Protein backbone atom coordinates (compact mmCIF):
# COMPACT_ATOMS: atom_id res chain seq x y z
CA MET A 1 108.16 -10.55 144.17
CA SER A 2 111.52 -11.44 146.52
CA GLN A 3 112.69 -14.93 146.76
CA THR A 4 110.54 -17.03 149.53
CA HIS A 5 112.14 -19.48 152.18
CA LYS A 6 110.85 -22.82 152.42
CA ASN A 7 108.44 -22.00 155.20
CA ILE A 8 107.20 -18.81 154.61
CA ILE A 9 106.37 -18.37 158.06
CA GLU A 10 108.04 -20.38 161.63
CA THR A 11 107.02 -19.95 165.53
CA LYS A 12 108.16 -21.68 168.09
CA ASN A 13 106.61 -21.72 171.62
CA LEU A 14 105.20 -18.67 170.53
CA GLY A 15 103.71 -16.39 173.47
CA LYS A 16 102.36 -13.20 174.57
CA THR A 17 101.44 -11.71 177.98
CA VAL A 18 100.40 -8.50 178.84
CA PRO A 19 100.24 -6.80 182.30
CA THR A 20 96.78 -5.68 184.03
CA THR A 21 95.96 -4.36 187.10
CA ASP A 22 95.25 -7.67 188.55
CA GLY A 23 98.52 -9.34 187.64
CA PRO A 24 100.07 -10.28 184.07
CA LEU A 25 97.12 -11.40 181.51
CA CYS A 26 98.03 -14.61 178.89
CA ILE A 27 97.23 -14.08 175.35
CA LEU A 28 98.96 -16.55 173.52
CA SER A 29 100.68 -19.56 174.31
CA SER A 30 103.45 -21.83 172.80
CA VAL A 31 102.17 -21.69 169.17
CA ASP A 32 104.26 -23.74 167.14
CA LEU A 33 103.61 -22.99 162.94
CA LEU A 34 104.91 -24.03 159.82
CA ILE A 35 103.59 -22.55 157.45
CA LYS A 36 105.14 -23.19 153.23
CA PRO A 37 104.78 -20.74 150.64
CA GLY A 38 101.57 -20.43 148.82
CA GLU A 39 99.32 -22.21 151.61
CA SER A 40 96.18 -21.49 152.69
CA ILE A 41 95.61 -21.07 156.68
CA ALA A 42 92.33 -20.46 158.67
CA VAL A 43 92.57 -19.64 161.67
CA VAL A 44 89.80 -20.64 163.90
CA GLY A 45 88.34 -20.08 167.73
CA ALA A 46 86.28 -18.12 169.70
CA SER A 47 85.79 -14.47 170.56
CA GLY A 48 89.21 -13.96 172.80
CA SER A 49 90.29 -16.89 171.67
CA GLY A 50 94.02 -14.74 170.48
CA LYS A 51 93.37 -15.27 167.07
CA SER A 52 93.76 -11.64 166.47
CA THR A 53 96.60 -11.50 168.34
CA LEU A 54 98.72 -14.02 166.51
CA LEU A 55 98.04 -12.45 163.32
CA GLY A 56 99.37 -9.02 164.40
CA LEU A 57 102.55 -11.16 166.10
CA LEU A 58 102.78 -12.92 162.72
CA ALA A 59 102.57 -9.84 160.47
CA GLY A 60 105.36 -8.26 162.71
CA LEU A 61 102.73 -5.84 164.24
CA ASP A 62 102.53 -6.69 167.53
CA THR A 63 105.94 -8.02 169.79
CA PRO A 64 105.81 -11.54 171.64
CA THR A 65 106.91 -11.94 174.96
CA GLN A 66 108.03 -15.33 174.49
CA GLY A 67 109.48 -17.66 171.35
CA PHE A 68 110.27 -16.47 167.95
CA ILE A 69 108.48 -15.81 164.70
CA LYS A 70 110.45 -15.93 161.42
CA LEU A 71 109.12 -14.39 158.45
CA ASN A 72 110.65 -15.22 155.25
CA GLY A 73 113.75 -16.57 157.23
CA VAL A 74 114.53 -13.48 159.16
CA ASP A 75 113.53 -13.91 162.78
CA LEU A 76 111.33 -10.93 163.74
CA THR A 77 112.69 -10.85 167.58
CA THR A 78 116.07 -9.89 166.54
CA VAL A 79 114.94 -6.49 164.40
CA GLY A 80 113.77 -3.31 165.56
CA GLU A 81 110.08 -1.61 164.64
CA ASP A 82 111.78 -0.18 161.58
CA GLY A 83 113.30 -3.47 160.48
CA ARG A 84 109.79 -5.18 160.83
CA ALA A 85 108.54 -2.23 158.79
CA GLU A 86 110.89 -2.84 155.90
CA LEU A 87 109.80 -6.41 155.92
CA ARG A 88 106.24 -5.91 155.90
CA ASN A 89 107.08 -3.27 152.89
CA GLN A 90 108.79 -6.13 151.09
CA PHE A 91 106.34 -9.52 151.66
CA VAL A 92 103.18 -8.11 153.49
CA GLY A 93 99.61 -7.40 152.68
CA PHE A 94 96.40 -6.95 154.82
CA VAL A 95 92.92 -6.84 154.51
CA PHE A 96 91.25 -5.71 157.92
CA GLN A 97 87.47 -5.85 159.08
CA SER A 98 87.28 -2.61 159.21
CA PHE A 99 88.79 -1.76 155.66
CA GLN A 100 91.12 1.00 157.12
CA LEU A 101 90.85 2.72 153.88
CA LEU A 102 92.24 6.83 153.92
CA SER A 103 89.30 8.48 153.91
CA GLY A 104 90.75 11.84 151.87
CA LEU A 105 91.63 9.64 149.02
CA THR A 106 89.97 7.92 146.24
CA ALA A 107 89.83 4.60 145.51
CA LEU A 108 92.31 4.60 143.02
CA GLU A 109 94.45 6.82 145.38
CA ASN A 110 94.53 4.40 148.09
CA VAL A 111 95.32 1.48 145.91
CA MET A 112 98.11 3.56 144.48
CA LEU A 113 99.41 4.42 147.53
CA PRO A 114 101.52 1.11 148.89
CA LEU A 115 103.23 1.18 145.41
CA GLU A 116 104.29 5.09 145.54
CA LEU A 117 105.97 4.56 149.05
CA ARG A 118 107.90 1.82 147.26
CA GLY A 119 108.90 4.47 144.05
CA ASP A 120 106.97 2.72 141.86
CA LYS A 121 106.71 4.12 138.50
CA ASN A 122 103.55 2.63 136.98
CA ALA A 123 101.43 2.67 140.62
CA LYS A 124 98.64 4.49 138.65
CA VAL A 125 98.69 1.92 135.43
CA SER A 126 99.04 -1.28 138.02
CA ALA A 127 96.35 0.07 140.67
CA THR A 128 94.04 0.60 137.73
CA GLN A 129 94.55 -2.20 136.12
CA LEU A 130 93.49 -4.17 139.84
CA LEU A 131 90.49 -2.44 140.47
CA GLU A 132 89.30 -3.36 137.15
CA ARG A 133 89.83 -6.68 138.44
CA VAL A 134 87.59 -6.51 141.58
CA GLY A 135 84.71 -4.71 139.56
CA LEU A 136 85.76 -1.58 140.48
CA SER A 137 86.64 0.48 137.16
CA HIS A 138 83.61 2.55 137.43
CA ARG A 139 84.23 3.80 141.27
CA LEU A 140 88.14 5.02 140.44
CA THR A 141 87.76 8.54 141.56
CA HIS A 142 84.92 7.62 144.79
CA THR A 143 86.07 8.27 148.32
CA PRO A 144 85.50 5.76 150.48
CA MET A 145 82.55 7.38 151.92
CA LYS A 146 80.68 6.80 148.84
CA LEU A 147 81.28 3.58 148.47
CA SER A 148 79.27 0.69 149.77
CA GLY A 149 80.88 -1.88 152.53
CA GLY A 150 81.24 -4.13 149.84
CA GLU A 151 83.36 -1.94 147.49
CA GLN A 152 85.23 -0.72 150.13
CA GLN A 153 86.56 -4.24 151.07
CA ARG A 154 87.03 -4.63 147.36
CA VAL A 155 89.55 -1.62 147.30
CA ALA A 156 91.02 -2.67 150.55
CA LEU A 157 91.65 -6.18 149.04
CA ALA A 158 93.04 -4.80 145.79
CA ARG A 159 95.06 -2.58 148.32
CA ALA A 160 96.72 -5.53 150.07
CA PHE A 161 97.30 -7.52 146.55
CA VAL A 162 98.89 -4.65 144.51
CA THR A 163 102.18 -5.06 145.46
CA GLU A 164 102.09 -8.72 145.23
CA PRO A 165 103.19 -10.07 148.52
CA ALA A 166 104.40 -13.43 149.23
CA ILE A 167 101.74 -13.27 152.02
CA LEU A 168 97.99 -11.88 152.99
CA PHE A 169 97.09 -11.64 156.25
CA ALA A 170 93.40 -11.16 156.68
CA ASP A 171 91.35 -10.58 159.99
CA GLU A 172 87.81 -11.37 159.71
CA PRO A 173 87.84 -10.15 155.73
CA THR A 174 83.95 -10.78 155.63
CA GLY A 175 82.73 -9.88 159.02
CA ASN A 176 80.86 -6.78 157.56
CA LEU A 177 79.37 -8.08 154.35
CA ASP A 178 76.19 -9.76 153.67
CA SER A 179 76.57 -13.01 152.74
CA LYS A 180 76.66 -13.09 148.46
CA THR A 181 79.30 -10.48 149.11
CA GLY A 182 81.07 -12.24 151.50
CA ASP A 183 81.08 -14.90 148.87
CA TYR A 184 82.11 -12.62 146.21
CA ILE A 185 85.25 -11.70 148.35
CA ILE A 186 86.14 -15.24 149.46
CA ASP A 187 86.40 -15.74 145.44
CA LEU A 188 88.68 -12.91 144.72
CA LEU A 189 90.79 -14.19 147.75
CA PHE A 190 91.35 -17.44 146.21
CA GLN A 191 91.48 -16.57 142.58
CA LEU A 192 94.39 -14.26 143.41
CA ASN A 193 95.83 -16.64 145.80
CA GLN A 194 96.22 -18.72 143.15
CA GLU A 195 97.18 -16.75 140.46
CA LYS A 196 99.92 -15.13 142.39
CA LYS A 197 100.86 -18.19 144.64
CA THR A 198 100.47 -15.57 147.86
CA THR A 199 100.35 -17.22 150.77
CA LEU A 200 96.83 -16.68 152.80
CA VAL A 201 96.07 -16.44 156.36
CA LEU A 202 93.22 -15.75 157.49
CA VAL A 203 91.29 -15.00 160.60
CA THR A 204 87.67 -15.96 160.34
CA HIS A 205 84.26 -16.86 161.98
CA ASP A 206 83.05 -18.00 158.56
CA ASN A 207 82.68 -21.50 158.03
CA ALA A 208 82.69 -21.31 154.26
CA LEU A 209 85.83 -19.52 154.30
CA ALA A 210 87.78 -21.61 156.66
CA THR A 211 86.52 -24.93 154.73
CA ARG A 212 88.03 -23.13 151.45
CA CYS A 213 91.45 -23.15 153.28
CA GLN A 214 94.12 -26.00 153.04
CA ARG A 215 94.37 -25.88 156.64
CA THR A 216 92.61 -24.85 159.69
CA ILE A 217 94.42 -23.45 163.16
CA LYS A 218 92.38 -23.69 165.65
CA LEU A 219 93.09 -21.97 168.97
CA GLU A 220 91.34 -22.32 172.25
CA ALA A 221 91.69 -20.09 175.50
CA GLY A 222 95.17 -18.69 173.38
CA ARG A 223 96.49 -22.22 172.87
CA GLN A 224 96.72 -24.70 169.54
CA ALA A 225 93.61 -26.95 170.41
């Protein structure tokens, strides 16, 4: 993992406004954050409060209309899409509520992919080890259609962690899972967080997940509560 800065994420006056037929719509406004390496942060709030928008901005998937975001010391508002993609490749892992696995690839191939994109010669070994770690050694050759929701989420978790990212963003990681499987995924997230010192930023409605985090950021109508 590359050297990390004192604050792995820093935002100042962060905001996002989008045009609509009824005029500008403010989704997020005046968000100031300092997140240290290895911290676990839960982002909570009602639907429509701006949680997923904030996550997308922090990860460089979207661009703000006001303020700035620094990811590991780099101001994302000063680099283009290619620069943001390179930063994500170096530092960031993702777990999406909808899994976003590639349907034509096996579980093993899905987890190998981010390593292969880096040119890692040990991609197969590393991916196999991590899938074993999440209890899927018997599912390596199965495509997503042949996996349960919980199994797909574990593949997604393995794919997110296989590059040993400095920071992991997760958008409702237990949202599509039953409570037993959700608890298993939560335990895995925090085990990997502690072992790898990975910073976790989690959008969640799950109180059990939020209370496991060191800090909670609450949004109300696009602002920090």
